[in-house]
PDB file of N, CA and C in Angstrom:
ATOM      1  N   UNK A   1      74.445   6.354 -83.541  1.00  0.00           N
ATOM      2  CA  UNK A   1      75.181   5.754 -84.250  1.00  0.00           C
ATOM      3  C   UNK A   1      75.816   6.045 -84.860  1.00  0.00           C
ATOM      4  N   UNK A   2      77.066   5.748 -84.837  1.00  0.00           N
ATOM      5  CA  UNK A   2      78.534   5.948 -86.214  1.00  0.00           C
ATOM      6  C   UNK A   2      78.288   4.924 -86.923  1.00  0.00           C
ATOM      7  N   UNK A   3      78.029   5.295 -88.193  1.00  0.00           N
ATOM      8  CA  UNK A   3      78.206   3.940 -88.963  1.00  0.00           C
ATOM      9  C   UNK A   3      79.373   3.245 -89.679  1.00  0.00           C
ATOM     10  N   UNK A   4      80.150   4.068 -89.621  1.00  0.00           N
ATOM     11  CA  UNK A   4      81.226   4.089 -90.089  1.00  0.00           C
ATOM     12  C   UNK A   4      81.833   3.458 -91.753  1.00  0.00           C
ATOM     13  N   UNK A   5      80.236   3.668 -92.381  1.00  0.00           N
ATOM     14  CA  UNK A   5      80.528   3.547 -93.804  1.00  0.00           C
ATOM     15  C   UNK A   5      80.953   4.546 -94.549  1.00  0.00           C
ATOM     16  N   UNK A   6      82.063   3.787 -95.453  1.00  0.00           N
ATOM     17  CA  UNK A   6      82.718   4.402 -96.364  1.00  0.00           C
ATOM     18  C   UNK A   6      83.295   3.418 -97.521  1.00  0.00           C
ATOM     19  N   UNK A   7      83.640   4.440 -98.833  1.00  0.00           N
ATOM     20  CA  UNK A   7      83.934   3.419 -99.972  1.00  0.00           C
ATOM     21  C   UNK A   7      84.929   4.492-100.498  1.00  0.00           C
ATOM     22  N   UNK A   8      85.873   4.054-101.265  1.00  0.00           N
ATOM     23  CA  UNK A   8      87.172   5.272-102.251  1.00  0.00           C
ATOM     24  C   UNK A   8      87.273   4.799-103.208  1.00  0.00           C
ATOM     25  N   UNK A   9      87.296   5.735-104.126  1.00  0.00           N
ATOM     26  CA  UNK A   9      87.792   5.363-105.671  1.00  0.00           C
ATOM     27  C   UNK A   9      88.613   6.380-106.177  1.00  0.00           C
ATOM     28  N   UNK A  10      89.577   5.416-106.863  1.00  0.00           N
ATOM     29  CA  UNK A  10      90.623   6.547-107.511  1.00  0.00           C
ATOM     30  C   UNK A  10      89.704   7.171-108.712  1.00  0.00           C
ATOM     31  N   UNK A  11      90.179   8.600-108.985  1.00  0.00           N
ATOM     32  CA  UNK A  11      89.877   9.189-110.284  1.00  0.00           C
ATOM     33  C   UNK A  11      90.504  10.418-110.630  1.00  0.00           C
ATOM     34  N   UNK A  12      90.419  10.789-111.677  1.00  0.00           N
ATOM     35  CA  UNK A  12      90.887  11.599-112.655  1.00  0.00           C
ATOM     36  C   UNK A  12      90.270  12.640-112.903  1.00  0.00           C
ATOM     37  N   UNK A  13      90.711  14.055-112.575  1.00  0.00           N
ATOM     38  CA  UNK A  13      89.270  15.154-112.589  1.00  0.00           C
ATOM     39  C   UNK A  13      89.854  16.546-111.700  1.00  0.00           C
ATOM     40  N   UNK A  14      89.441  17.529-111.950  1.00  0.00           N
ATOM     41  CA  UNK A  14      89.723  18.583-111.033  1.00  0.00           C
ATOM     42  C   UNK A  14      88.676  19.198-110.362  1.00  0.00           C
ATOM     43  N   UNK A  15      89.003  19.964-109.064  1.00  0.00           N
ATOM     44  CA  UNK A  15      88.202  20.562-108.046  1.00  0.00           C
ATOM     45  C   UNK A  15      88.800  21.893-107.532  1.00  0.00           C
ATOM     46  N   UNK A  16      87.783  22.621-107.223  1.00  0.00           N
ATOM     47  CA  UNK A  16      88.089  24.074-106.901  1.00  0.00           C
ATOM     48  C   UNK A  16      87.623  24.053-105.309  1.00  0.00           C
ATOM     49  N   UNK A  17      88.448  24.464-104.999  1.00  0.00           N
ATOM     50  CA  UNK A  17      88.810  24.791-103.182  1.00  0.00           C
ATOM     51  C   UNK A  17      89.107  25.962-102.785  1.00  0.00           C
ATOM     52  N   UNK A  18      89.308  26.303-101.815  1.00  0.00           N
ATOM     53  CA  UNK A  18      89.603  27.750-101.308  1.00  0.00           C
ATOM     54  C   UNK A  18      90.544  28.400-102.093  1.00  0.00           C
ATOM     55  N   UNK A  19      91.578  27.721-102.615  1.00  0.00           N
ATOM     56  CA  UNK A  19      92.551  28.414-102.775  1.00  0.00           C
ATOM     57  C   UNK A  19      92.775  28.208-104.883  1.00  0.00           C
ATOM     58  N   UNK A  20      92.005  28.053-105.559  1.00  0.00           N
ATOM     59  CA  UNK A  20      91.794  27.636-106.213  1.00  0.00           C
ATOM     60  C   UNK A  20      91.756  26.097-107.166  1.00  0.00           C
ATOM     61  N   UNK A  21      91.908  26.342-108.431  1.00  0.00           N
ATOM     62  CA  UNK A  21      91.709  24.517-108.986  1.00  0.00           C
ATOM     63  C   UNK A  21      93.152  23.749-108.522  1.00  0.00           C
ATOM     64  N   UNK A  22      92.771  22.741-108.160  1.00  0.00           N
ATOM     65  CA  UNK A  22      93.792  21.636-108.337  1.00  0.00           C
ATOM     66  C   UNK A  22      92.911  20.201-108.827  1.00  0.00           C
ATOM     67  N   UNK A  23      94.326  19.058-108.884  1.00  0.00           N
ATOM     68  CA  UNK A  23      94.003  18.207-109.601  1.00  0.00           C
ATOM     69  C   UNK A  23      93.115  17.074-108.706  1.00  0.00           C
ATOM     70  N   UNK A  24      92.292  16.299-108.659  1.00  0.00           N
ATOM     71  CA  UNK A  24      91.313  15.431-107.990  1.00  0.00           C
ATOM     72  C   UNK A  24      91.790  13.949-108.171  1.00  0.00           C
ATOM     73  N   UNK A  25      92.590  13.037-107.428  1.00  0.00           N
ATOM     74  CA  UNK A  25      92.938  12.325-107.495  1.00  0.00           C
ATOM     75  C   UNK A  25      92.162  10.749-106.644  1.00  0.00           C
ATOM     76  N   UNK A  26      90.883  11.369-105.980  1.00  0.00           N
ATOM     77  CA  UNK A  26      89.985  10.236-104.897  1.00  0.00           C
ATOM     78  C   UNK A  26      88.934  10.854-104.509  1.00  0.00           C
ATOM     79  N   UNK A  27      87.838   9.957-104.774  1.00  0.00           N
ATOM     80  CA  UNK A  27      86.615  10.203-104.174  1.00  0.00           C
ATOM     81  C   UNK A  27      86.537   9.205-103.169  1.00  0.00           C
ATOM     82  N   UNK A  28      86.024   9.958-101.545  1.00  0.00           N
ATOM     83  CA  UNK A  28      85.495   8.868-100.364  1.00  0.00           C
ATOM     84  C   UNK A  28      84.101   9.431-100.386  1.00  0.00           C
ATOM     85  N   UNK A  29      82.909   8.237-100.375  1.00  0.00           N
ATOM     86  CA  UNK A  29      81.975   8.234-100.610  1.00  0.00           C
ATOM     87  C   UNK A  29      81.341   7.525 -98.732  1.00  0.00           C
ATOM     88  N   UNK A  30      80.790   8.342 -97.959  1.00  0.00           N
ATOM     89  CA  UNK A  30      80.050   7.436 -96.828  1.00  0.00           C
ATOM     90  C   UNK A  30      78.979   8.273 -96.506  1.00  0.00           C
ATOM     91  N   UNK A  31      78.752   7.609 -95.629  1.00  0.00           N
ATOM     92  CA  UNK A  31      77.396   7.588 -94.669  1.00  0.00           C
ATOM     93  C   UNK A  31      77.784   7.608 -93.467  1.00  0.00           C
ATOM     94  N   UNK A  32      77.715   8.988 -92.621  1.00  0.00           N
ATOM     95  CA  UNK A  32      77.564   8.904 -91.158  1.00  0.00           C
ATOM     96  C   UNK A  32      77.067  10.000 -90.839  1.00  0.00           C
ATOM     97  N   UNK A  33      77.895  10.671 -89.168  1.00  0.00           N
ATOM     98  CA  UNK A  33      77.189  12.029 -89.324  1.00  0.00           C
ATOM     99  C   UNK A  33      78.038  12.998 -90.202  1.00  0.00           C
ATOM    100  N   UNK A  34      77.286  14.041 -90.106  1.00  0.00           N
ATOM    101  CA  UNK A  34      77.453  15.296 -91.225  1.00  0.00           C
ATOM    102  C   UNK A  34      78.423  16.313 -89.912  1.00  0.00           C
ATOM    103  N   UNK A  35      79.229  16.995 -90.730  1.00  0.00           N
ATOM    104  CA  UNK A  35      79.478  17.695 -90.011  1.00  0.00           C
ATOM    105  C   UNK A  35      78.675  19.473 -89.987  1.00  0.00           C
ATOM    106  N   UNK A  36      78.117  19.665 -91.300  1.00  0.00           N
ATOM    107  CA  UNK A  36      77.415  20.707 -91.293  1.00  0.00           C
ATOM    108  C   UNK A  36      75.904  20.638 -91.585  1.00  0.00           C
ATOM    109  N   UNK A  37      75.203  19.949 -92.550  1.00  0.00           N
ATOM    110  CA  UNK A  37      74.085  19.683 -92.779  1.00  0.00           C
ATOM    111  C   UNK A  37      73.354  19.204 -91.743  1.00  0.00           C
ATOM    112  N   UNK A  38      72.251  19.697 -92.057  1.00  0.00           N
ATOM    113  CA  UNK A  38      71.037  19.559 -90.860  1.00  0.00           C
ATOM    114  C   UNK A  38      70.377  17.991 -90.873  1.00  0.00           C
ATOM    115  N   UNK A  39      71.283  17.413 -90.782  1.00  0.00           N
ATOM    116  CA  UNK A  39      70.684  15.150 -90.389  1.00  0.00           C
ATOM    117  C   UNK A  39      71.154  15.010 -89.637  1.00  0.00           C
ATOM    118  N   UNK A  40      70.985  13.844 -89.080  1.00  0.00           N
ATOM    119  CA  UNK A  40      71.668  12.962 -87.942  1.00  0.00           C
ATOM    120  C   UNK A  40      72.706  12.157 -88.889  1.00  0.00           C
ATOM    121  N   UNK A  41      72.581  11.614 -89.864  1.00  0.00           N
ATOM    122  CA  UNK A  41      73.324  11.175 -90.828  1.00  0.00           C
ATOM    123  C   UNK A  41      73.251  11.173 -92.091  1.00  0.00           C
ATOM    124  N   UNK A  42      74.125  11.467 -92.701  1.00  0.00           N
ATOM    125  CA  UNK A  42      74.166  11.588 -94.177  1.00  0.00           C
ATOM    126  C   UNK A  42      74.906  11.363 -95.308  1.00  0.00           C
ATOM    127  N   UNK A  43      75.067  11.137 -96.380  1.00  0.00           N
ATOM    128  CA  UNK A  43      75.892  11.202 -97.534  1.00  0.00           C
ATOM    129  C   UNK A  43      77.139  12.038 -97.626  1.00  0.00           C
ATOM    130  N   UNK A  44      78.586  11.416 -97.485  1.00  0.00           N
ATOM    131  CA  UNK A  44      79.324  12.197 -97.519  1.00  0.00           C
ATOM    132  C   UNK A  44      80.451  12.055 -98.592  1.00  0.00           C
ATOM    133  N   UNK A  45      80.291  13.239 -99.314  1.00  0.00           N
ATOM    134  CA  UNK A  45      81.286  13.170-100.476  1.00  0.00           C
ATOM    135  C   UNK A  45      82.893  13.631-100.566  1.00  0.00           C
ATOM    136  N   UNK A  46      83.870  13.386-100.611  1.00  0.00           N
ATOM    137  CA  UNK A  46      84.816  14.677-100.543  1.00  0.00           C
ATOM    138  C   UNK A  46      85.776  13.634-101.630  1.00  0.00           C
ATOM    139  N   UNK A  47      86.191  14.839-102.229  1.00  0.00           N
ATOM    140  CA  UNK A  47      86.893  15.127-103.801  1.00  0.00           C
ATOM    141  C   UNK A  47      88.003  15.478-102.917  1.00  0.00           C
ATOM    142  N   UNK A  48      89.622  14.445-103.346  1.00  0.00           N
ATOM    143  CA  UNK A  48      90.460  15.334-102.619  1.00  0.00           C
ATOM    144  C   UNK A  48      91.894  14.682-103.578  1.00  0.00           C
ATOM    145  N   UNK A  49      92.866  15.382-103.077  1.00  0.00           N
ATOM    146  CA  UNK A  49      94.423  14.713-103.590  1.00  0.00           C
ATOM    147  C   UNK A  49      95.451  14.837-102.686  1.00  0.00           C
ATOM    148  N   UNK A  50      95.297  13.221-102.350  1.00  0.00           N
ATOM    149  CA  UNK A  50      96.351  13.360-101.096  1.00  0.00           C
ATOM    150  C   UNK A  50      97.776  14.165-100.946  1.00  0.00           C
ATOM    151  N   UNK A  51      98.249  13.795-102.086  1.00  0.00           N
ATOM    152  CA  UNK A  51      99.586  14.087-102.006  1.00  0.00           C
ATOM    153  C   UNK A  51      99.403  15.483-102.122  1.00  0.00           C
ATOM    154  N   UNK A  52      98.581  16.670-102.152  1.00  0.00           N
ATOM    155  CA  UNK A  52      98.310  18.185-102.241  1.00  0.00           C
ATOM    156  C   UNK A  52      98.413  18.375-100.699  1.00  0.00           C
ATOM    157  N   UNK A  53      97.846  17.756 -99.929  1.00  0.00           N
ATOM    158  CA  UNK A  53      97.398  17.958 -98.093  1.00  0.00           C
ATOM    159  C   UNK A  53      96.053  18.199 -98.236  1.00  0.00           C
ATOM    160  N   UNK A  54      95.774  18.616 -96.925  1.00  0.00           N
ATOM    161  CA  UNK A  54      94.275  18.693 -96.354  1.00  0.00           C
ATOM    162  C   UNK A  54      93.224  19.948 -97.041  1.00  0.00           C
ATOM    163  N   UNK A  55      94.077  20.912 -97.883  1.00  0.00           N
ATOM    164  CA  UNK A  55      93.726  21.855 -98.365  1.00  0.00           C
ATOM    165  C   UNK A  55      93.128  21.705 -99.839  1.00  0.00           C
ATOM    166  N   UNK A  56      93.556  20.655-100.413  1.00  0.00           N
ATOM    167  CA  UNK A  56      93.024  20.050-101.492  1.00  0.00           C
ATOM    168  C   UNK A  56      92.028  19.075-101.394  1.00  0.00           C
ATOM    169  N   UNK A  57      90.793  19.908-101.161  1.00  0.00           N
ATOM    170  CA  UNK A  57      89.683  18.998-101.031  1.00  0.00           C
ATOM    171  C   UNK A  57      88.263  19.357-100.899  1.00  0.00           C
ATOM    172  N   UNK A  58      87.467  18.995-101.687  1.00  0.00           N
ATOM    173  CA  UNK A  58      86.117  19.350-101.849  1.00  0.00           C
ATOM    174  C   UNK A  58      85.386  18.223-100.918  1.00  0.00           C
ATOM    175  N   UNK A  59      84.301  18.762 -99.883  1.00  0.00           N
ATOM    176  CA  UNK A  59      83.430  17.997 -99.540  1.00  0.00           C
ATOM    177  C   UNK A  59      81.815  18.286 -99.771  1.00  0.00           C
ATOM    178  N   UNK A  60      81.134  17.785 -99.355  1.00  0.00           N
ATOM    179  CA  UNK A  60      79.633  17.530 -99.724  1.00  0.00           C
ATOM    180  C   UNK A  60      78.848  16.523 -99.163  1.00  0.00           C
ATOM    181  N   UNK A  61      77.783  17.499 -98.346  1.00  0.00           N
ATOM    182  CA  UNK A  61      77.303  16.644 -97.906  1.00  0.00           C
ATOM    183  C   UNK A  61      75.932  17.004 -97.870  1.00  0.00           C
ATOM    184  N   UNK A  62      74.894  15.487 -98.146  1.00  0.00           N
ATOM    185  CA  UNK A  62      73.863  15.850 -98.937  1.00  0.00           C
ATOM    186  C   UNK A  62      72.960  14.462 -98.240  1.00  0.00           C
ATOM    187  N   UNK A  63      71.381  14.435 -97.984  1.00  0.00           N
ATOM    188  CA  UNK A  63      70.619  13.455 -97.494  1.00  0.00           C
ATOM    189  C   UNK A  63      70.582  12.935 -98.740  1.00  0.00           C
ATOM    190  N   UNK A  64      70.166  11.117 -98.263  1.00  0.00           N
ATOM    191  CA  UNK A  64      70.095   9.931 -99.102  1.00  0.00           C
ATOM    192  C   UNK A  64      69.030  10.170-100.289  1.00  0.00           C
ATOM    193  N   UNK A  65      67.921  10.837-100.444  1.00  0.00           N
ATOM    194  CA  UNK A  65      67.361  11.364-101.448  1.00  0.00           C
ATOM    195  C   UNK A  65      68.077  11.915-102.382  1.00  0.00           C
ATOM    196  N   UNK A  66      68.655  13.088-101.551  1.00  0.00           N
ATOM    197  CA  UNK A  66      69.488  14.140-102.942  1.00  0.00           C
ATOM    198  C   UNK A  66      70.445  13.194-103.707  1.00  0.00           C
ATOM    199  N   UNK A  67      71.251  12.254-102.839  1.00  0.00           N
ATOM    200  CA  UNK A  67      72.121  11.769-103.159  1.00  0.00           C
ATOM    201  C   UNK A  67      71.210  10.612-104.176  1.00  0.00           C
ATOM    202  N   UNK A  68      70.402   9.936-104.138  1.00  0.00           N
ATOM    203  CA  UNK A  68      69.510   9.248-105.307  1.00  0.00           C
ATOM    204  C   UNK A  68      69.267   9.560-106.358  1.00  0.00           C
ATOM    205  N   UNK A  69      69.222  10.821-106.338  1.00  0.00           N
ATOM    206  CA  UNK A  69      68.933  12.060-107.596  1.00  0.00           C
ATOM    207  C   UNK A  69      70.066  12.317-108.091  1.00  0.00           C
ATOM    208  N   UNK A  70      71.162  12.675-107.000  1.00  0.00           N
ATOM    209  CA  UNK A  70      72.533  13.079-108.358  1.00  0.00           C
ATOM    210  C   UNK A  70      73.147  11.570-108.902  1.00  0.00           C
ATOM    211  N   UNK A  71      72.619  10.715-108.089  1.00  0.00           N
ATOM    212  CA  UNK A  71      73.648   8.950-108.875  1.00  0.00           C
ATOM    213  C   UNK A  71      72.589   8.866-110.389  1.00  0.00           C
ATOM    214  N   UNK A  72      71.348   8.799-110.073  1.00  0.00           N
ATOM    215  CA  UNK A  72      70.192   9.269-111.273  1.00  0.00           C
ATOM    216  C   UNK A  72      70.569  10.271-112.626  1.00  0.00           C
ATOM    217  N   UNK A  73      71.149  11.225-112.031  1.00  0.00           N
ATOM    218  CA  UNK A  73      71.428  12.537-112.551  1.00  0.00           C
ATOM    219  C   UNK A  73      72.979  12.253-113.381  1.00  0.00           C
ATOM    220  N   UNK A  74      73.556  11.592-112.615  1.00  0.00           N
ATOM    221  CA  UNK A  74      74.880  11.033-113.188  1.00  0.00           C
ATOM    222  C   UNK A  74      74.613  10.181-114.487  1.00  0.00           C
ATOM    223  N   UNK A  75      74.055   8.991-114.086  1.00  0.00           N
ATOM    224  CA  UNK A  75      74.132   7.898-114.605  1.00  0.00           C
ATOM    225  C   UNK A  75      73.337   8.614-116.579  1.00  0.00           C
ATOM    226  N   UNK A  76      72.157   9.415-116.166  1.00  0.00           N
ATOM    227  CA  UNK A  76      71.948   9.956-117.748  1.00  0.00           C
ATOM    228  C   UNK A  76      72.739  10.798-118.464  1.00  0.00           C
ATOM    229  N   UNK A  77      73.673  11.562-117.482  1.00  0.00           N
ATOM    230  CA  UNK A  77      74.200  12.165-117.893  1.00  0.00           C
ATOM    231  C   UNK A  77      75.775  11.493-119.232  1.00  0.00           C
ATOM    232  N   UNK A  78      75.939  10.337-118.281  1.00  0.00           N
ATOM    233  CA  UNK A  78      76.478   9.566-118.667  1.00  0.00           C
ATOM    234  C   UNK A  78      76.483   8.761-120.035  1.00  0.00           C
ATOM    235  N   UNK A  79      75.572   8.073-120.155  1.00  0.00           N
ATOM    236  CA  UNK A  79      74.832   7.605-120.910  1.00  0.00           C
ATOM    237  C   UNK A  79      74.454   8.883-122.032  1.00  0.00           C
ATOM    238  N   UNK A  80      74.249  10.039-122.144  1.00  0.00           N
ATOM    239  CA  UNK A  80      74.183  11.020-122.651  1.00  0.00           C
ATOM    240  C   UNK A  80      75.592  11.484-123.474  1.00  0.00           C
ATOM    241  N   UNK A  81      76.502  11.469-122.707  1.00  0.00           N
ATOM    242  CA  UNK A  81      77.933  11.881-123.428  1.00  0.00           C
ATOM    243  C   UNK A  81      78.490  10.573-124.011  1.00  0.00           C
ATOM    244  N   UNK A  82      78.020   9.355-123.674  1.00  0.00           N
ATOM    245  CA  UNK A  82      78.579   8.074-124.402  1.00  0.00           C
ATOM    246  C   UNK A  82      77.949   7.640-125.575  1.00  0.00           C
ATOM    247  N   UNK A  83      76.569   8.343-125.767  1.00  0.00           N
ATOM    248  CA  UNK A  83      75.961   8.364-127.086  1.00  0.00           C
ATOM    249  C   UNK A  83      76.218   9.110-128.163  1.00  0.00           C
ATOM    250  N   UNK A  84      76.835  10.272-127.501  1.00  0.00           N
ATOM    251  CA  UNK A  84      77.384  11.618-128.351  1.00  0.00           C
ATOM    252  C   UNK A  84      78.576  11.039-129.259  1.00  0.00           C
ATOM    253  N   UNK A  85      79.004  10.229-128.655  1.00  0.00           N
ATOM    254  CA  UNK A  85      80.385   9.943-129.627  1.00  0.00           C
ATOM    255  C   UNK A  85      81.717  10.331-129.256  1.00  0.00           C
ATOM    256  N   UNK A  86      81.709  11.812-128.062  1.00  0.00           N
ATOM    257  CA  UNK A  86      83.087  11.962-127.455  1.00  0.00           C
ATOM    258  C   UNK A  86      83.221  12.061-126.338  1.00  0.00           C
ATOM    259  N   UNK A  87      82.815  10.930-125.594  1.00  0.00           N
ATOM    260  CA  UNK A  87      83.100  10.394-124.155  1.00  0.00           C
ATOM    261  C   UNK A  87      84.229  10.312-124.247  1.00  0.00           C
ATOM    262  N   UNK A  88      85.498  10.771-123.094  1.00  0.00           N
ATOM    263  CA  UNK A  88      86.576  10.221-123.107  1.00  0.00           C
ATOM    264  C   UNK A  88      86.369   9.207-122.242  1.00  0.00           C
TER     265      UNK A  88
END
């Protein structure tokens, strides 16, 4: 069964694809059937810049356990960056 769960967020950053680095302007996060990961359903993360076309995209597929670990590690790193006084 397809879940069609998808969220988007505007972001500012850079990603590296097959043709090199590009500006990333959008993150799409979903939970549905993966293309490559060996799971029936997976967390799907796409970092892209729609203005640059389909080649300006970095995709990641992972299981829910890995996604939870990623969220916890991101939060811990954000907290440490803010505590350092130099976070932008």
